[in-house]
Protein backbone atom coordinates (compact mmCIF):
# COMPACT_ATOMS: atom_id res chain seq x y z
CA MET A 1 -0.07 0.15 0.11
CA VAL A 2 3.05 2.04 0.98
CA PHE A 3 4.25 1.54 -2.96
CA SER A 4 1.10 2.86 -4.48
CA ILE A 5 0.38 5.79 -2.26
CA LEU A 6 3.80 7.24 -3.39
CA SER A 7 2.74 7.06 -6.98
CA LEU A 8 -0.66 8.51 -6.68
CA SER A 9 0.33 12.21 -8.00
CA VAL A 10 0.94 10.25 -11.28
CA SER A 11 -3.40 9.95 -12.58
CA LEU A 12 -6.37 9.21 -10.77
CA VAL A 13 -6.84 5.85 -12.11
CA ILE A 14 -3.51 4.68 -9.70
CA TRP A 15 -6.18 5.05 -7.24
CA SER A 16 -7.97 1.87 -8.41
CA ILE A 17 -4.61 0.43 -6.50
CA PRO A 18 -5.33 1.49 -3.18
CA ALA A 19 -8.95 0.45 -3.44
CA VAL A 20 -8.21 -2.81 -4.36
CA ILE A 21 -5.65 -3.48 -1.36
CA ILE A 22 -8.02 -2.26 1.14
CA ILE A 23 -10.79 -4.70 -0.38
CA THR A 24 -7.96 -7.22 -0.14
CA PHE A 25 -7.44 -6.68 3.29
CA SER A 26 -11.15 -6.68 4.18
CA TYR A 27 -11.11 -10.14 2.41
CA HIS A 28 -8.48 -11.33 4.61
CA THR A 29 -9.61 -10.38 8.00
CA TYR A 30 -12.78 -12.17 7.00
CA ILE A 31 -11.23 -15.31 5.96
CA LEU A 32 -8.85 -15.07 9.12
CA LEU A 33 -12.03 -14.37 11.42
CA ILE A 34 -13.89 -17.34 9.62
CA GLY A 35 -11.04 -19.94 10.26
CA SER A 36 -10.31 -18.75 13.52
CA SER A 37 -14.15 -19.68 14.76
CA GLU A 38 -14.81 -22.26 12.49
CA THR A 39 -13.17 -26.22 12.49
CA TYR A 40 -11.79 -27.68 9.45
CA ASN A 41 -14.86 -29.32 7.94
CA THR A 42 -17.29 -26.54 8.11
CA PRO A 43 -18.65 -25.87 5.13
CA ARG A 44 -18.99 -22.31 5.72
CA ILE A 45 -15.30 -21.66 5.65
CA TYR A 46 -15.09 -22.97 1.56
CA SER A 47 -18.32 -21.65 0.97
CA THR A 48 -19.41 -20.05 -2.44
CA PHE A 49 -19.03 -16.57 -1.37
CA PRO A 50 -15.27 -16.39 -0.44
CA ILE A 51 -14.12 -18.48 -3.25
CA VAL A 52 -16.14 -16.31 -5.50
CA CYS A 53 -14.30 -13.10 -3.47
CA ALA A 54 -11.12 -14.53 -4.63
CA TYR A 55 -11.75 -15.04 -8.37
CA ILE A 56 -12.96 -11.46 -8.18
CA LEU A 57 -10.01 -9.96 -6.37
CA THR A 58 -7.67 -12.16 -8.92
CA PHE A 59 -9.53 -10.05 -11.26
CA LEU A 60 -8.73 -6.76 -9.90
CA TRP A 61 -5.56 -7.15 -9.10
CA THR A 62 -4.58 -8.47 -12.58
CA ALA A 63 -6.32 -5.20 -13.42
CA ALA A 64 -4.11 -3.00 -11.07
CA LEU A 65 -1.29 -4.82 -12.78
CA ALA A 66 -2.55 -3.42 -16.21
CA VAL A 67 -2.60 -0.16 -15.05
CA SER A 68 0.28 0.16 -13.57
CA VAL A 69 2.29 -1.57 -16.21
CA ALA A 70 0.42 0.75 -18.67
CA PHE A 71 1.69 3.93 -16.89
CA THR A 72 5.15 2.69 -15.92
CA SER A 73 5.65 2.19 -19.53
CA LEU A 74 3.94 5.52 -20.72
CA MET A 75 6.33 6.83 -17.96
CA LEU A 76 9.77 5.67 -19.07
CA SER A 77 8.63 5.81 -22.80
CA GLY A 78 8.37 9.69 -22.35
CA ILE A 79 4.67 9.90 -23.18
CA ILE A 80 3.53 11.16 -19.79
CA GLU A 81 5.12 13.25 -17.66
CA VAL A 82 5.03 13.37 -14.00
CA GLY A 83 6.48 16.13 -11.99
CA ASN A 84 8.18 14.28 -9.52
CA GLU A 85 9.76 11.56 -11.88
CA ASP A 86 12.58 10.77 -9.82
CA LYS A 87 10.01 8.85 -7.23
CA VAL A 88 7.30 7.96 -9.26
CA LYS A 89 9.71 6.15 -12.05
CA PHE A 90 11.71 4.17 -9.41
CA TRP A 91 8.22 3.08 -7.48
CA MET A 92 5.67 2.39 -10.08
CA PRO A 93 7.84 -0.86 -11.35
CA ILE A 94 7.86 -1.68 -7.81
CA VAL A 95 3.85 -1.14 -7.56
CA ALA A 96 3.74 -3.36 -11.00
CA GLY A 97 5.58 -6.16 -9.53
CA SER A 98 3.70 -6.12 -6.30
CA SER A 99 0.69 -6.15 -8.42
CA LEU A 100 1.59 -8.89 -10.37
CA VAL A 101 2.70 -10.93 -6.88
CA GLU A 102 -0.55 -10.61 -5.25
CA ALA A 103 -2.59 -11.34 -8.42
CA ALA A 104 -0.80 -14.64 -8.49
CA ILE A 105 -1.48 -15.19 -4.80
CA MET A 106 -5.23 -14.62 -4.77
CA PHE A 107 -5.28 -16.81 -7.74
CA TYR A 108 -3.54 -19.60 -5.91
CA ILE A 109 -5.62 -19.22 -2.68
CA ALA A 110 -8.82 -19.25 -5.35
CA ILE A 111 -8.08 -22.19 -7.17
CA GLN A 112 -6.84 -24.21 -3.50
CA SER A 113 -10.33 -22.85 -1.87
CA HIS A 114 -11.73 -24.30 -4.55
CA ARG A 115 -10.42 -27.60 -4.34
CA GLU A 116 -10.54 -27.93 -0.57
CA LYS A 117 -14.55 -27.41 -1.48
CA LYS A 118 -15.17 -29.79 -3.64
CA GLN A 119 -13.07 -32.29 -1.63
CA ILE A 120 -14.93 -31.83 1.66
CA HIS A 121 -18.47 -31.87 -0.39
CA TYR A 122 -17.07 -35.49 -1.57
CA ARG A 123 -16.29 -36.55 2.08
CA ASN A 124 -19.26 -35.35 2.83
CA LYS A 125 -21.42 -36.62 0.49
CA TRP A 126 -20.32 -40.34 1.32
CA ARG A 127 -20.16 -40.22 5.00
CA TRP A 128 -22.30 -42.21 6.66
CA ARG A 129 -25.65 -40.61 8.04
CA ILE A 130 -28.33 -41.81 10.59
CA ASP A 131 -31.71 -41.37 9.93
CA LEU A 132 -33.21 -40.03 12.95
CA THR A 133 -36.85 -40.25 10.93
CA GLY A 134 -36.76 -43.99 10.17
CA GLY A 135 -37.25 -43.44 6.53
CA SER A 136 -34.30 -45.44 5.01
CA PRO A 137 -32.04 -48.13 7.09
CA THR A 138 -28.78 -46.91 5.41
CA ALA A 139 -27.56 -43.60 3.85
CA TRP A 140 -25.51 -45.88 1.26
CA SER A 141 -28.77 -47.50 -0.49
CA ILE A 142 -29.37 -46.91 -4.54
CA SER A 143 -32.79 -45.45 -4.87
CA LYS A 144 -34.70 -47.55 -6.88
CA LYS A 145 -37.95 -47.25 -8.88
CA ASN A 146 -41.08 -49.34 -7.33
CA TYR A 147 -43.12 -50.57 -10.08
CA ILE A 148 -46.60 -51.02 -9.33
């Protein structure tokens, strides 16, 4: 976040990077709070909402990467003139690199969370369930059609 704040004098489009940082911080805080209050097999940890948010954050970080790379290349080629060029020309490549790293991290988190969700749902699908209503004797039976 410090890197992107130092380069905010370039353009208003760069303000998208701190916004993505704040959203990412909120996402990580949410995951930490849920993860510390639930057990591993709880389906709430690997529900659809956090996984979709991780994919959206991956997209947002990729957009932040595109913005930072575009501005860095325009600055270094001399097309865009900035007031304090030395600082901005130094920090913008660092912002671009950190955006790339964060996009890769969020993509990895999204993929791993999706895999864990599939494994937990598959494990829960084949877990032995006791029917308290007395309807079926086992949870393993395949439903058969009754021909009358």
